[in-house]
Amino acid sequence: MPTHSQITVEIAENTTTSGSKSNQQALQSMFSATPYLNGNGYDAAAVKELAQSVLLDGVVNDGGHTFGTLNRDYVDAPDYGDVETGAAGLPASAWVPNPSSPTDGVNNPGSIPAAPDGYGTTPADNWGNGVGSQLSPAASSAQISSQKIGDLPSNRSSQ
């Protein structure tokens, strides 16, 4: 399977300010905290590892500012088989709402009877490629979160 790799910038060494190459000593003094310039072995493999850890893996915590914590592996993604169905405002299935109306007043969802047996229990085959609506969010999230930078070919999905 072909993959796409983004190149990293390799600074051309030059100790003077003349010519079209950068002055490595001047860059190191101006940007001493830059990983590539401070001599800490920051190469393409280190960039890939850092990107994987800060962009794709693990938990993000915004310090309670707006969203709190988000697990980028989506470990809490629902499974269609775990959707509670039935009466009292619950859906008919994981794919469709309950079509029944309340029997005790318009604004009483607790009086909604269960949907007719078998109603909406078979997901529709959506037009397009792949398993679409039949793929559980829990299963698809596990597949997506297992991907690593460089796994996917450029401009293609994994399905």
N, C-alpha and C. Protein backbone atom coordinates (compact mmCIF):
# COMPACT_ATOMS: atom_id res chain seq x y z
N MET A 1 0.85 -1.17 0.00
CA MET A 1 0.00 0.00 0.00
C MET A 1 0.90 1.23 0.00
N PRO A 2 0.71 2.13 -0.95
CA PRO A 2 1.55 3.34 -0.99
C PRO A 2 1.20 4.27 0.16
N THR A 3 2.20 4.94 0.66
CA THR A 3 1.98 5.90 1.73
C THR A 3 2.62 7.23 1.36
N HIS A 4 2.23 8.24 2.06
CA HIS A 4 2.78 9.58 1.84
C HIS A 4 3.59 9.98 3.05
N SER A 5 4.78 10.47 2.84
CA SER A 5 5.60 10.95 3.95
C SER A 5 5.92 12.42 3.71
N GLN A 6 5.65 13.22 4.72
CA GLN A 6 6.00 14.63 4.65
C GLN A 6 7.47 14.76 4.99
N ILE A 7 8.21 15.45 4.18
CA ILE A 7 9.64 15.60 4.46
C ILE A 7 9.84 16.58 5.60
N THR A 8 10.96 16.44 6.28
CA THR A 8 11.32 17.40 7.31
C THR A 8 12.38 18.32 6.74
N VAL A 9 12.47 19.49 7.29
CA VAL A 9 13.42 20.48 6.79
C VAL A 9 14.79 20.19 7.39
N GLU A 10 15.77 20.06 6.54
CA GLU A 10 17.15 19.89 6.97
C GLU A 10 17.86 21.21 6.67
N ILE A 11 18.36 21.84 7.71
CA ILE A 11 18.99 23.15 7.54
C ILE A 11 20.38 22.98 6.96
N ALA A 12 20.66 23.70 5.88
CA ALA A 12 21.97 23.67 5.26
C ALA A 12 22.94 24.46 6.13
N GLU A 13 24.08 23.84 6.44
CA GLU A 13 25.06 24.48 7.32
C GLU A 13 25.83 25.59 6.62
N ASN A 14 25.98 26.70 7.33
CA ASN A 14 26.80 27.81 6.86
C ASN A 14 27.12 28.66 8.09
N THR A 15 28.35 28.99 8.27
CA THR A 15 28.74 29.73 9.46
C THR A 15 28.84 31.23 9.21
N THR A 16 28.51 31.63 8.02
CA THR A 16 28.56 33.06 7.72
C THR A 16 27.17 33.55 7.36
N THR A 17 27.02 34.86 7.23
CA THR A 17 25.72 35.42 6.84
C THR A 17 25.64 35.64 5.35
N SER A 18 26.66 35.24 4.62
CA SER A 18 26.65 35.43 3.17
C SER A 18 26.08 34.19 2.49
N GLY A 19 25.74 34.34 1.23
CA GLY A 19 25.23 33.22 0.47
C GLY A 19 23.75 32.98 0.75
N SER A 20 23.22 31.89 0.19
CA SER A 20 21.80 31.61 0.33
C SER A 20 21.50 30.59 1.41
N LYS A 21 22.51 30.13 2.12
CA LYS A 21 22.31 29.16 3.18
C LYS A 21 22.18 29.86 4.52
N SER A 22 21.54 29.19 5.47
CA SER A 22 21.33 29.79 6.79
C SER A 22 22.60 29.78 7.62
N ASN A 23 22.68 30.72 8.53
CA ASN A 23 23.79 30.80 9.46
C ASN A 23 23.41 29.97 10.68
N GLN A 24 23.95 28.77 10.77
CA GLN A 24 23.59 27.83 11.82
C GLN A 24 23.86 28.39 13.22
N GLN A 25 24.98 29.05 13.41
CA GLN A 25 25.30 29.60 14.73
C GLN A 25 24.30 30.70 15.12
N ALA A 26 23.94 31.54 14.17
CA ALA A 26 22.98 32.60 14.47
C ALA A 26 21.61 32.01 14.81
N LEU A 27 21.19 30.99 14.06
CA LEU A 27 19.90 30.35 14.33
C LEU A 27 19.89 29.70 15.71
N GLN A 28 20.99 29.03 16.07
CA GLN A 28 21.05 28.38 17.37
C GLN A 28 21.00 29.39 18.51
N SER A 29 21.61 30.54 18.32
CA SER A 29 21.58 31.54 19.39
C SER A 29 20.21 32.22 19.48
N MET A 30 19.54 32.43 18.36
CA MET A 30 18.23 33.10 18.37
C MET A 30 17.10 32.16 18.80
N PHE A 31 17.19 30.91 18.42
CA PHE A 31 16.12 29.94 18.68
C PHE A 31 16.67 28.74 19.45
N SER A 32 17.27 28.99 20.59
CA SER A 32 17.95 27.94 21.35
C SER A 32 16.99 26.87 21.89
N ALA A 33 15.71 27.17 22.03
CA ALA A 33 14.75 26.19 22.54
C ALA A 33 14.18 25.30 21.44
N THR A 34 14.47 25.60 20.18
CA THR A 34 13.96 24.80 19.07
C THR A 34 14.62 23.42 19.09
N PRO A 35 13.83 22.34 19.15
CA PRO A 35 14.41 21.00 19.28
C PRO A 35 15.42 20.65 18.19
N TYR A 36 15.16 21.04 16.98
CA TYR A 36 16.08 20.69 15.90
C TYR A 36 17.43 21.38 16.08
N LEU A 37 17.41 22.58 16.59
CA LEU A 37 18.64 23.35 16.69
C LEU A 37 19.41 23.17 17.99
N ASN A 38 18.79 22.61 19.03
CA ASN A 38 19.50 22.52 20.30
C ASN A 38 20.25 21.21 20.49
N GLY A 39 20.36 20.42 19.44
CA GLY A 39 21.21 19.24 19.49
C GLY A 39 20.65 18.05 20.27
N ASN A 40 19.35 17.94 20.38
CA ASN A 40 18.75 16.84 21.14
C ASN A 40 18.32 15.68 20.25
N GLY A 41 18.94 15.50 19.11
CA GLY A 41 18.62 14.36 18.25
C GLY A 41 17.24 14.44 17.64
N TYR A 42 16.81 15.62 17.27
CA TYR A 42 15.47 15.82 16.72
C TYR A 42 15.52 15.59 15.22
N ASP A 43 15.10 14.39 14.80
CA ASP A 43 15.13 14.03 13.39
C ASP A 43 13.72 13.65 12.93
N ALA A 44 13.62 13.12 11.72
CA ALA A 44 12.31 12.77 11.17
C ALA A 44 11.56 11.76 12.05
N ALA A 45 12.27 10.79 12.61
CA ALA A 45 11.63 9.80 13.47
C ALA A 45 11.09 10.46 14.74
N ALA A 46 11.85 11.40 15.31
CA ALA A 46 11.40 12.10 16.52
C ALA A 46 10.18 12.96 16.22
N VAL A 47 10.16 13.59 15.04
CA VAL A 47 9.01 14.42 14.65
C VAL A 47 7.77 13.54 14.53
N LYS A 48 7.91 12.38 13.90
CA LYS A 48 6.79 11.47 13.72
C LYS A 48 6.27 10.98 15.08
N GLU A 49 7.17 10.62 15.96
CA GLU A 49 6.78 10.15 17.29
C GLU A 49 6.07 11.24 18.08
N LEU A 50 6.59 12.45 18.04
CA LEU A 50 5.96 13.56 18.75
C LEU A 50 4.58 13.86 18.17
N ALA A 51 4.46 13.88 16.85
CA ALA A 51 3.18 14.16 16.21
C ALA A 51 2.15 13.09 16.58
N GLN A 52 2.56 11.83 16.59
CA GLN A 52 1.64 10.75 16.96
C GLN A 52 1.12 10.96 18.38
N SER A 53 2.01 11.34 19.29
CA SER A 53 1.60 11.46 20.70
C SER A 53 0.77 12.71 20.97
N VAL A 54 1.06 13.82 20.30
CA VAL A 54 0.31 15.05 20.60
C VAL A 54 -0.88 15.29 19.68
N LEU A 55 -0.94 14.58 18.55
CA LEU A 55 -2.05 14.78 17.62
C LEU A 55 -3.06 13.64 17.61
N LEU A 56 -2.62 12.42 17.84
CA LEU A 56 -3.52 11.28 17.64
C LEU A 56 -3.78 10.41 18.86
N ASP A 57 -2.81 10.28 19.74
CA ASP A 57 -2.95 9.32 20.84
C ASP A 57 -3.32 9.98 22.15
N GLY A 58 -3.98 9.19 23.00
CA GLY A 58 -4.17 9.58 24.38
C GLY A 58 -5.25 10.61 24.65
N VAL A 59 -5.15 11.21 25.83
CA VAL A 59 -6.17 12.13 26.34
C VAL A 59 -5.69 13.56 26.22
N VAL A 60 -6.58 14.44 25.77
CA VAL A 60 -6.31 15.87 25.71
C VAL A 60 -7.10 16.51 26.85
N ASN A 61 -6.45 17.39 27.59
CA ASN A 61 -7.12 18.09 28.69
C ASN A 61 -6.90 19.58 28.48
N ASP A 62 -8.00 20.30 28.29
CA ASP A 62 -7.87 21.74 28.08
C ASP A 62 -7.90 22.51 29.40
N GLY A 63 -7.68 21.80 30.50
CA GLY A 63 -7.63 22.45 31.81
C GLY A 63 -8.99 22.91 32.30
N GLY A 64 -10.05 22.31 31.79
CA GLY A 64 -11.39 22.69 32.21
C GLY A 64 -11.90 23.95 31.55
N HIS A 65 -11.16 24.45 30.57
CA HIS A 65 -11.55 25.71 29.92
C HIS A 65 -12.88 25.58 29.18
N THR A 66 -12.99 24.65 28.26
CA THR A 66 -14.21 24.51 27.47
C THR A 66 -14.71 23.07 27.44
N PHE A 67 -13.86 22.16 27.05
CA PHE A 67 -14.28 20.79 26.81
C PHE A 67 -13.83 19.80 27.88
N GLY A 68 -12.95 20.20 28.77
CA GLY A 68 -12.44 19.27 29.78
C GLY A 68 -11.48 18.30 29.14
N THR A 69 -11.74 17.00 29.30
CA THR A 69 -10.85 16.00 28.72
C THR A 69 -11.53 15.30 27.55
N LEU A 70 -10.73 14.90 26.59
CA LEU A 70 -11.20 14.16 25.42
C LEU A 70 -10.21 13.05 25.15
N ASN A 71 -10.68 11.83 25.14
CA ASN A 71 -9.83 10.71 24.80
C ASN A 71 -9.88 10.53 23.29
N ARG A 72 -8.75 10.76 22.63
CA ARG A 72 -8.71 10.68 21.17
C ARG A 72 -8.81 9.26 20.66
N ASP A 73 -8.81 8.28 21.55
CA ASP A 73 -9.01 6.90 21.15
C ASP A 73 -10.48 6.51 21.22
N TYR A 74 -11.34 7.45 21.65
CA TYR A 74 -12.79 7.27 21.71
C TYR A 74 -13.17 5.95 22.38
N VAL A 75 -12.63 5.72 23.56
CA VAL A 75 -12.88 4.47 24.27
C VAL A 75 -14.32 4.34 24.74
N ASP A 76 -15.06 5.44 24.80
CA ASP A 76 -16.45 5.40 25.24
C ASP A 76 -17.45 5.42 24.08
N ALA A 77 -16.99 5.17 22.87
CA ALA A 77 -17.90 5.17 21.72
C ALA A 77 -18.95 4.09 21.91
N PRO A 78 -20.21 4.39 21.58
CA PRO A 78 -21.28 3.41 21.82
C PRO A 78 -21.24 2.26 20.82
N ASP A 79 -21.80 1.16 21.24
CA ASP A 79 -21.98 0.00 20.38
C ASP A 79 -23.47 -0.11 20.10
N TYR A 80 -23.84 -0.37 18.87
CA TYR A 80 -25.26 -0.46 18.53
C TYR A 80 -26.00 -1.47 19.40
N GLY A 81 -25.33 -2.54 19.77
CA GLY A 81 -25.96 -3.57 20.59
C GLY A 81 -26.26 -3.12 22.01
N ASP A 82 -25.64 -2.02 22.45
CA ASP A 82 -25.84 -1.53 23.82
C ASP A 82 -26.92 -0.47 23.93
N VAL A 83 -27.56 -0.09 22.81
CA VAL A 83 -28.58 0.96 22.84
C VAL A 83 -29.83 0.43 23.50
N GLU A 84 -30.26 1.12 24.56
CA GLU A 84 -31.48 0.72 25.26
C GLU A 84 -32.69 1.14 24.44
N THR A 85 -33.59 0.22 24.20
CA THR A 85 -34.79 0.50 23.40
C THR A 85 -36.03 0.16 24.20
N GLY A 86 -37.17 0.59 23.70
CA GLY A 86 -38.42 0.23 24.36
C GLY A 86 -39.39 1.39 24.44
N ALA A 87 -40.17 1.40 25.52
CA ALA A 87 -41.22 2.40 25.72
C ALA A 87 -40.66 3.62 26.46
N ALA A 88 -41.56 4.53 26.80
CA ALA A 88 -41.25 5.71 27.63
C ALA A 88 -40.20 6.64 27.00
N GLY A 89 -40.29 6.82 25.69
CA GLY A 89 -39.41 7.76 25.02
C GLY A 89 -38.11 7.17 24.51
N LEU A 90 -37.87 5.88 24.75
CA LEU A 90 -36.66 5.25 24.22
C LEU A 90 -36.81 4.99 22.73
N PRO A 91 -35.71 4.90 21.99
CA PRO A 91 -35.81 4.66 20.55
C PRO A 91 -36.31 3.25 20.24
N ALA A 92 -36.77 3.06 19.00
CA ALA A 92 -37.21 1.74 18.56
C ALA A 92 -36.01 0.83 18.36
N SER A 93 -34.90 1.40 17.92
CA SER A 93 -33.66 0.65 17.73
C SER A 93 -32.52 1.66 17.72
N ALA A 94 -31.33 1.17 17.50
CA ALA A 94 -30.17 2.07 17.43
C ALA A 94 -30.22 2.95 16.18
N TRP A 95 -31.08 2.62 15.22
CA TRP A 95 -31.11 3.35 13.96
C TRP A 95 -32.31 4.26 13.77
N VAL A 96 -33.40 4.01 14.49
CA VAL A 96 -34.61 4.82 14.27
C VAL A 96 -35.27 5.18 15.60
N PRO A 97 -35.98 6.32 15.62
CA PRO A 97 -36.73 6.68 16.83
C PRO A 97 -38.00 5.84 16.95
N ASN A 98 -38.61 5.92 18.08
CA ASN A 98 -39.87 5.23 18.31
C ASN A 98 -40.97 6.03 17.60
N PRO A 99 -41.76 5.38 16.71
CA PRO A 99 -42.79 6.12 15.96
C PRO A 99 -44.09 6.29 16.74
N SER A 100 -44.20 5.68 17.90
CA SER A 100 -45.45 5.72 18.68
C SER A 100 -45.66 7.09 19.31
N SER A 101 -46.91 7.41 19.53
CA SER A 101 -47.29 8.67 20.18
C SER A 101 -47.64 8.43 21.63
N PRO A 102 -47.52 9.45 22.47
CA PRO A 102 -47.90 9.30 23.88
C PRO A 102 -49.39 8.95 24.00
N THR A 103 -49.71 8.12 24.96
CA THR A 103 -51.12 7.72 25.15
C THR A 103 -51.79 8.54 26.25
N ASP A 104 -51.01 9.29 27.01
CA ASP A 104 -51.56 10.06 28.13
C ASP A 104 -51.09 11.51 28.02
N GLY A 105 -51.64 12.23 27.07
CA GLY A 105 -51.25 13.63 26.91
C GLY A 105 -50.08 13.79 25.96
N VAL A 106 -50.10 14.89 25.26
CA VAL A 106 -49.11 15.13 24.21
C VAL A 106 -47.69 15.28 24.77
N ASN A 107 -47.58 15.84 25.95
CA ASN A 107 -46.27 16.14 26.51
C ASN A 107 -45.84 15.15 27.58
N ASN A 108 -46.25 13.91 27.44
CA ASN A 108 -45.89 12.91 28.43
C ASN A 108 -45.12 11.77 27.76
N PRO A 109 -43.80 11.92 27.58
CA PRO A 109 -43.03 10.87 26.91
C PRO A 109 -43.03 9.56 27.68
N GLY A 110 -43.30 9.60 28.98
CA GLY A 110 -43.35 8.37 29.77
C GLY A 110 -44.48 7.45 29.36
N SER A 111 -45.49 8.00 28.66
CA SER A 111 -46.63 7.16 28.24
C SER A 111 -46.49 6.64 26.81
N ILE A 112 -45.33 6.84 26.20
CA ILE A 112 -45.13 6.33 24.83
C ILE A 112 -44.92 4.82 24.92
N PRO A 113 -45.73 4.03 24.20
CA PRO A 113 -45.53 2.57 24.22
C PRO A 113 -44.30 2.18 23.39
N ALA A 114 -43.88 0.97 23.57
CA ALA A 114 -42.75 0.46 22.78
C ALA A 114 -43.15 0.43 21.30
N ALA A 115 -42.17 0.52 20.45
CA ALA A 115 -42.41 0.45 19.00
C ALA A 115 -42.91 -0.94 18.63
N PRO A 116 -43.58 -1.06 17.49
CA PRO A 116 -44.02 -2.40 17.06
C PRO A 116 -42.83 -3.35 16.95
N ASP A 117 -43.06 -4.63 17.23
CA ASP A 117 -41.99 -5.63 17.17
C ASP A 117 -41.26 -5.58 15.83
N GLY A 118 -39.96 -5.54 15.88
CA GLY A 118 -39.13 -5.56 14.68
C GLY A 118 -38.99 -4.23 13.97
N TYR A 119 -39.69 -3.20 14.44
CA TYR A 119 -39.64 -1.90 13.76
C TYR A 119 -38.25 -1.30 13.83
N GLY A 120 -37.67 -1.04 12.68
CA GLY A 120 -36.38 -0.36 12.59
C GLY A 120 -35.19 -1.14 13.11
N THR A 121 -35.33 -2.44 13.26
CA THR A 121 -34.22 -3.22 13.82
C THR A 121 -33.19 -3.64 12.78
N THR A 122 -33.50 -3.47 11.51
CA THR A 122 -32.55 -3.78 10.45
C THR A 122 -32.06 -2.46 9.86
N PRO A 123 -30.77 -2.18 9.97
CA PRO A 123 -30.28 -0.92 9.42
C PRO A 123 -30.39 -0.90 7.91
N ALA A 124 -30.67 0.28 7.37
CA ALA A 124 -30.78 0.42 5.92
C ALA A 124 -29.39 0.36 5.30
N ASP A 125 -29.34 -0.19 4.10
CA ASP A 125 -28.09 -0.17 3.36
C ASP A 125 -27.97 1.21 2.72
N ASN A 126 -27.07 2.00 3.22
CA ASN A 126 -26.86 3.33 2.64
C ASN A 126 -26.11 3.22 1.34
N TRP A 127 -26.40 4.13 0.44
CA TRP A 127 -25.70 4.16 -0.82
C TRP A 127 -24.26 4.55 -0.58
N GLY A 128 -23.36 3.96 -1.30
CA GLY A 128 -21.95 4.32 -1.19
C GLY A 128 -21.08 3.11 -0.96
N ASN A 129 -19.84 3.36 -0.58
CA ASN A 129 -18.87 2.30 -0.35
C ASN A 129 -18.76 1.98 1.13
N GLY A 130 -18.41 0.75 1.45
CA GLY A 130 -18.17 0.37 2.83
C GLY A 130 -19.42 -0.07 3.54
N VAL A 131 -19.27 -0.30 4.85
CA VAL A 131 -20.36 -0.85 5.65
C VAL A 131 -21.30 0.21 6.17
N GLY A 132 -20.92 1.48 6.08
CA GLY A 132 -21.81 2.59 6.41
C GLY A 132 -22.49 2.49 7.74
N SER A 133 -23.81 2.56 7.73
CA SER A 133 -24.58 2.63 8.97
C SER A 133 -24.56 1.33 9.77
N GLN A 134 -24.07 0.26 9.20
CA GLN A 134 -24.05 -1.01 9.92
C GLN A 134 -22.79 -1.18 10.76
N LEU A 135 -21.84 -0.28 10.61
CA LEU A 135 -20.60 -0.36 11.39
C LEU A 135 -20.80 0.35 12.72
N SER A 136 -20.63 -0.36 13.79
CA SER A 136 -20.80 0.19 15.13
C SER A 136 -19.78 1.31 15.39
N PRO A 137 -20.19 2.41 16.03
CA PRO A 137 -19.23 3.45 16.39
C PRO A 137 -18.09 2.91 17.25
N ALA A 138 -18.38 1.93 18.11
CA ALA A 138 -17.33 1.35 18.94
C ALA A 138 -16.29 0.63 18.07
N ALA A 139 -16.75 -0.12 17.07
CA ALA A 139 -15.84 -0.85 16.19
C ALA A 139 -15.05 0.10 15.30
N SER A 140 -15.74 1.10 14.72
CA SER A 140 -15.04 2.02 13.83
C SER A 140 -14.06 2.89 14.61
N SER A 141 -14.41 3.29 15.83
CA SER A 141 -13.51 4.10 16.64
C SER A 141 -12.25 3.33 16.98
N ALA A 142 -12.40 2.06 17.28
CA ALA A 142 -11.23 1.23 17.59
C ALA A 142 -10.31 1.13 16.37
N GLN A 143 -10.90 0.99 15.18
CA GLN A 143 -10.09 0.92 13.96
C GLN A 143 -9.39 2.24 13.69
N ILE A 144 -10.12 3.33 13.84
CA ILE A 144 -9.55 4.65 13.56
C ILE A 144 -8.45 4.99 14.56
N SER A 145 -8.68 4.73 15.84
CA SER A 145 -7.69 5.10 16.85
C SER A 145 -6.44 4.25 16.79
N SER A 146 -6.49 3.11 16.12
CA SER A 146 -5.29 2.28 15.99
C SER A 146 -4.37 2.74 14.87
N GLN A 147 -4.82 3.68 14.06
CA GLN A 147 -4.00 4.16 12.96
C GLN A 147 -2.82 4.97 13.46
N LYS A 148 -1.74 4.88 12.76
CA LYS A 148 -0.52 5.63 13.08
C LYS A 148 -0.22 6.57 11.92
N ILE A 149 0.50 7.63 12.21
CA ILE A 149 0.89 8.58 11.17
C ILE A 149 1.66 7.82 10.10
N GLY A 150 1.26 7.99 8.86
CA GLY A 150 1.91 7.32 7.74
C GLY A 150 1.21 6.05 7.31
N ASP A 151 0.19 5.57 8.07
CA ASP A 151 -0.51 4.35 7.71
C ASP A 151 -1.36 4.49 6.45
N LEU A 152 -1.97 5.66 6.27
CA LEU A 152 -2.92 5.84 5.18
C LEU A 152 -2.25 6.41 3.94
N PRO A 153 -2.62 5.88 2.77
CA PRO A 153 -2.13 6.51 1.54
C PRO A 153 -2.75 7.88 1.40
N SER A 154 -2.09 8.74 0.70
CA SER A 154 -2.58 10.10 0.51
C SER A 154 -3.91 10.10 -0.22
N ASN A 155 -4.86 10.92 0.27
CA ASN A 155 -6.18 11.12 -0.34
C ASN A 155 -7.02 9.86 -0.44
N ARG A 156 -6.94 8.97 0.55
CA ARG A 156 -7.75 7.76 0.55
C ARG A 156 -8.23 7.47 1.96
N SER A 157 -9.38 6.80 2.06
CA SER A 157 -9.85 6.36 3.37
C SER A 157 -9.32 4.97 3.63
N SER A 158 -9.50 4.49 4.87
CA SER A 158 -8.98 3.17 5.22
C SER A 158 -9.94 2.05 4.85
N GLN A 159 -11.15 2.37 4.43
CA GLN A 159 -12.12 1.32 4.11
C GLN A 159 -12.04 0.95 2.68
